[in-house]
Every structure is written in structure tokens, then in C-alpha cells.
Protein backbone atom coordinates (compact mmCIF):
# COMPACT_ATOMS: atom_id res chain seq x y z
CA UNK A 1 11.38 0.42 -0.31
CA UNK A 2 11.02 -2.14 -3.12
CA UNK A 3 8.54 -4.69 -1.69
CA UNK A 4 6.06 -4.62 -4.60
CA UNK A 5 8.84 -4.88 -7.17
CA UNK A 6 10.37 -7.67 -5.19
CA UNK A 7 7.03 -9.52 -5.08
CA UNK A 8 6.70 -9.37 -8.86
CA UNK A 9 10.29 -10.40 -9.40
CA UNK A 10 9.99 -13.37 -7.05
CA UNK A 11 6.68 -14.48 -8.61
CA UNK A 12 8.06 -14.58 -12.15
CA UNK A 13 11.85 -14.78 -11.88
CA UNK A 14 13.08 -15.57 -8.40
CA UNK A 15 12.87 -19.27 -7.48
CA UNK A 16 10.81 -19.86 -10.59
CA UNK A 17 11.90 -21.21 -13.96
CA UNK A 18 10.74 -18.29 -16.03
CA UNK A 19 11.55 -20.02 -19.37
CA UNK A 20 8.89 -22.65 -18.59
CA UNK A 21 6.08 -20.18 -17.75
CA UNK A 22 5.70 -19.21 -21.44
CA UNK A 23 4.72 -22.86 -22.16
CA UNK A 24 2.13 -23.23 -19.38
CA UNK A 25 -1.45 -24.03 -20.34
CA UNK A 26 -4.68 -24.79 -18.55
CA UNK A 27 -4.28 -25.89 -14.95
CA UNK A 28 -0.51 -25.32 -14.96
CA UNK A 29 -0.97 -21.69 -15.98
CA UNK A 30 -3.75 -21.19 -13.42
CA UNK A 31 -1.51 -22.69 -10.76
CA UNK A 32 1.23 -20.18 -11.56
CA UNK A 33 -1.23 -17.28 -11.55
CA UNK A 34 -2.50 -18.29 -8.10
CA UNK A 35 1.09 -18.58 -6.88
CA UNK A 36 1.87 -15.12 -8.29
CA UNK A 37 -1.08 -13.51 -6.52
CA UNK A 38 -0.03 -15.05 -3.22
CA UNK A 39 3.55 -13.91 -3.81
CA UNK A 40 2.34 -10.34 -4.39
CA UNK A 41 0.31 -10.54 -1.17
CA UNK A 42 3.05 -12.09 0.85
CA UNK A 43 5.33 -9.09 0.53
CA UNK A 44 2.63 -6.39 0.74
CA UNK A 45 -0.44 -7.53 2.72
CA UNK A 46 0.61 -5.88 5.95
CA UNK A 47 0.93 -2.45 4.30
CA UNK A 48 -0.96 -2.03 1.01
CA UNK A 49 -4.20 -3.51 2.30
CA UNK A 50 -4.42 -0.75 4.91
CA UNK A 51 -4.91 2.13 2.52
CA UNK A 52 -7.09 2.96 -0.44
CA UNK A 53 -4.12 3.89 -2.58
CA UNK A 54 -2.30 0.73 -1.58
CA UNK A 55 -5.26 -1.48 -2.48
CA UNK A 56 -5.65 0.19 -5.87
CA UNK A 57 -1.96 -0.20 -6.66
CA UNK A 58 -1.86 -3.83 -5.46
CA UNK A 59 -4.97 -4.86 -7.43
CA UNK A 60 -3.60 -3.07 -10.51
CA UNK A 61 -0.32 -4.95 -10.16
CA UNK A 62 -2.11 -8.25 -9.81
CA UNK A 63 -4.18 -7.58 -12.91
CA UNK A 64 -1.10 -6.54 -14.91
CA UNK A 65 0.81 -9.54 -13.60
CA UNK A 66 -1.94 -11.98 -14.60
CA UNK A 67 -2.18 -10.31 -18.05
CA UNK A 68 1.58 -10.70 -18.43
CA UNK A 69 1.37 -14.40 -17.50
CA UNK A 70 -1.29 -14.97 -20.20
CA UNK A 71 0.52 -12.90 -22.81
CA UNK A 72 3.71 -14.98 -22.35
CA UNK A 73 1.81 -18.06 -23.56
CA UNK A 74 0.52 -16.26 -26.65
CA UNK A 75 3.73 -14.68 -27.88
CA UNK A 76 5.91 -16.90 -30.09
CA UNK A 77 8.70 -14.40 -30.87
CA UNK A 78 11.41 -14.66 -28.16
CA UNK A 79 12.50 -11.04 -28.63
CA UNK A 80 8.97 -9.84 -27.89
CA UNK A 81 8.87 -12.03 -24.79
CA UNK A 82 12.05 -10.33 -23.52
CA UNK A 83 10.42 -6.94 -24.24
CA UNK A 84 7.36 -8.09 -22.26
CA UNK A 85 9.55 -9.14 -19.32
CA UNK A 86 11.32 -5.77 -19.24
CA UNK A 87 7.96 -4.01 -19.59
CA UNK A 88 6.48 -5.89 -16.64
CA UNK A 89 9.51 -5.21 -14.46
CA UNK A 90 9.35 -1.52 -15.40
CA UNK A 91 5.65 -1.30 -14.57
CA UNK A 92 6.21 -3.04 -11.23
CA UNK A 93 9.00 -0.56 -10.42
CA UNK A 94 6.84 2.47 -11.31
CA UNK A 95 3.86 1.23 -9.34
CA UNK A 96 6.21 0.55 -6.41
CA UNK A 97 7.21 4.22 -6.43
CA UNK A 98 3.60 5.23 -5.67
CA UNK A 99 3.46 3.23 -2.47
CA UNK A 100 7.14 3.04 -1.44
CA UNK A 101 6.56 5.12 1.69
CA UNK A 102 3.93 2.66 2.93
CA UNK A 103 6.53 -0.10 3.23
CA UNK A 104 8.44 1.79 5.91
CA UNK A 105 6.57 -0.05 8.63
CA UNK A 106 6.45 -3.41 6.89
CA UNK A 107 7.37 -6.56 8.81
CA UNK A 108 9.98 -7.01 6.01
CA UNK A 109 12.70 -4.44 6.58
CA UNK A 110 14.22 -2.49 3.71
CA UNK A 111 17.53 -4.29 4.16
CA UNK A 112 15.92 -7.75 4.17
CA UNK A 113 13.84 -6.93 1.06
CA UNK A 114 17.00 -5.88 -0.73
CA UNK A 115 18.74 -9.07 0.50
CA UNK A 116 15.91 -11.24 -0.87
CA UNK A 117 16.00 -9.37 -4.18
CA UNK A 118 19.73 -9.97 -4.38
CA UNK A 119 19.17 -13.69 -3.82
CA UNK A 120 16.68 -13.77 -6.66
CA UNK A 121 18.95 -11.84 -8.99
CA UNK A 122 22.08 -13.90 -8.27
CA UNK A 123 20.13 -17.12 -8.76
CA UNK A 124 17.41 -16.93 -11.38
CA UNK A 125 18.31 -13.72 -13.22
CA UNK A 126 21.63 -15.31 -14.20
CA UNK A 127 19.81 -18.52 -15.14
CA UNK A 128 17.49 -16.42 -17.32
CA UNK A 129 20.61 -15.25 -19.17
CA UNK A 130 21.86 -18.82 -19.68
CA UNK A 131 18.47 -20.08 -20.89
CA UNK A 132 17.69 -17.19 -23.21
CA UNK A 133 20.95 -15.63 -24.42
CA UNK A 134 24.06 -17.69 -23.85
CA UNK A 135 24.16 -20.59 -24.53
CA UNK A 136 20.48 -19.85 -25.22
CA UNK A 137 19.01 -23.23 -24.30
CA UNK A 138 15.66 -23.25 -22.50
CA UNK A 139 16.44 -26.69 -21.13
CA UNK A 140 19.82 -25.60 -19.74
CA UNK A 141 20.30 -27.17 -16.29
CA UNK A 142 21.70 -24.55 -13.95
CA UNK A 143 20.87 -26.11 -10.55
CA UNK A 144 24.59 -26.52 -9.71
CA UNK A 145 25.26 -22.93 -10.76
CA UNK A 146 22.35 -21.61 -8.70
CA UNK A 147 23.61 -23.42 -5.58
CA UNK A 148 27.14 -22.15 -6.19
CA UNK A 149 26.04 -18.53 -6.68
CA UNK A 150 23.67 -18.55 -3.69
CA UNK A 151 26.31 -19.97 -1.40
CA UNK A 152 28.82 -17.32 -2.42
CA UNK A 153 26.19 -14.58 -2.03
CA UNK A 154 25.16 -15.65 1.50
CA UNK A 155 28.79 -16.03 2.74
CA UNK A 156 29.99 -12.87 1.02
CA UNK A 157 27.26 -10.66 2.42
CA UNK A 158 27.88 -12.34 5.81
CA UNK A 159 31.53 -11.17 5.57
CA UNK A 160 32.89 -14.69 5.53
CA UNK A 161 35.06 -14.31 2.46
CA UNK A 162 36.96 -17.58 3.06
CA UNK A 163 33.81 -19.70 2.83
CA UNK A 164 32.54 -17.51 -0.03
CA UNK A 165 35.47 -18.24 -2.32
CA UNK A 166 35.76 -21.81 -1.04
CA UNK A 167 32.21 -22.42 -2.28
CA UNK A 168 33.26 -21.25 -5.72
CA UNK A 169 36.32 -23.48 -5.63
CA UNK A 170 34.27 -26.51 -4.61
CA UNK A 171 31.77 -25.70 -7.33
CA UNK A 172 34.52 -25.67 -9.87
CA UNK A 173 35.87 -29.05 -8.68
CA UNK A 174 32.35 -30.49 -8.80
CA UNK A 175 32.00 -29.37 -12.41
CA UNK A 176 35.32 -31.06 -13.35
CA UNK A 177 34.04 -34.23 -11.71
CA UNK A 178 30.53 -34.19 -13.20
CA UNK A 179 30.83 -32.61 -16.64
CA UNK A 180 33.24 -31.88 -19.41
CA UNK A 181 35.20 -28.57 -19.21
CA UNK A 182 33.34 -25.71 -20.89
CA UNK A 183 34.23 -22.11 -21.67
CA UNK A 184 30.92 -20.98 -20.11
CA UNK A 185 31.97 -22.15 -16.64
CA UNK A 186 33.43 -18.81 -15.70
CA UNK A 187 30.19 -16.90 -16.23
CA UNK A 188 28.43 -18.32 -13.20
CA UNK A 189 31.12 -17.67 -10.56
CA UNK A 190 31.98 -14.31 -12.11
CA UNK A 191 28.37 -13.22 -11.96
CA UNK A 192 28.16 -14.38 -8.38
CA UNK A 193 31.11 -12.18 -7.43
CA UNK A 194 29.97 -9.10 -9.33
CA UNK A 195 26.33 -9.25 -8.12
CA UNK A 196 27.37 -9.95 -4.52
CA UNK A 197 29.74 -6.96 -4.51
CA UNK A 198 27.02 -4.73 -5.98
CA UNK A 199 24.45 -5.86 -3.45
CA UNK A 200 26.86 -5.40 -0.54
CA UNK A 201 27.29 -1.81 -1.64
CA UNK A 202 23.51 -1.31 -2.06
CA UNK A 203 22.59 -2.79 1.34
CA UNK A 204 25.47 -1.55 3.45
């Protein structure tokens, strides 16, 4: 059961532009911190709040998460920020291990939690790669790519392979119509295919 890890991932990576968090200040940073706490609660309130261990782990994760949010805004070196991100993900995973059994009776099933994690990975984790490594532009607009990858993921895991690959084809045609051809085009659809195959194996 990966509910706590999923909550952390969603708060900072899934459906959130992680590259912008490091530039938040004042009210904007506070707004993100509040959102993060509610995200952590949303996936765990029905289980972790029922036990002493669960409460300790959840509060610890909240404190670590908030500390990570603040540290992002203080670190200028991009390599250290990546190390921080990996460190936070690792801590969330380890803390999740302590309470994994408590999520057995969660209103979010194991399969659905994995499905949501896959959606976050196929969307924003790939965008994190684009913004930070290649082409390495924090302002890189990947909204079209996110839509393309999510559509493929949903159709592929739903066993509708025709619509899955049709979504990639339409996405490619849209790129030809909207932008100039680029050698980075293949990364988005290829990552959609690879991640979707991996998640299908993990869930089923």
C-alpha cells in the first residue's frame, strides 16, 4: 500500500508544476504548504488518524514535507534541489513502509492508489524531466504532452489499444500543426508507452 507516498508525490509532483515551487515566496509558498497538508490528509485521513503510530507518521511526514517546501526556496544549486527531491521521495517511501498495513482498509483501494500514482508519473514526472534535464527549460510548456500521455495511459490501462495509439497519432498531428518539428517530440509519446506498460504490469 503506497497511500502516504502517493500523497507526497501528488502534493509536490503530480498535478503541480514542481519547477515553480522553488520560486514561491510569502503567501504563494504558504498556499502551497496548505495544499500539501490537505493532499497528505486526503489520501490518509481514514486510516492514519485512527492509530497512534499512524498519527505520528503522518505528522512527521507533514513536518518533513513543509521543511522540504521551505528548503526548495533557499537552495540555488539545481543539483542540490534534485538531491532534495530524491531525498524527500525516499523519506516518504520509508515512512510509508511503517504504516503500509493500515491502508488495507482504506477507502482508496491498492489498485486505485497505484493507478493514481501512474497518472502522476506519466504526466508530471515526465514534465519534470523536460523542465530540468532535457531540454532543461523551467518555462517549457508541456500541457499538450501531458494531455497526450494521460490519454494514452487511460486508454491503454483500459485495454482500448486502438484509442490509446490513436491519441498519440492525433497528438503528433497537433504538434505538426501548432509547432515546428523537433527531435524531442518522440520523448513524450515513448515515455507514455513505456510507463503505461510498466504500470499495467504493476497493477494487473
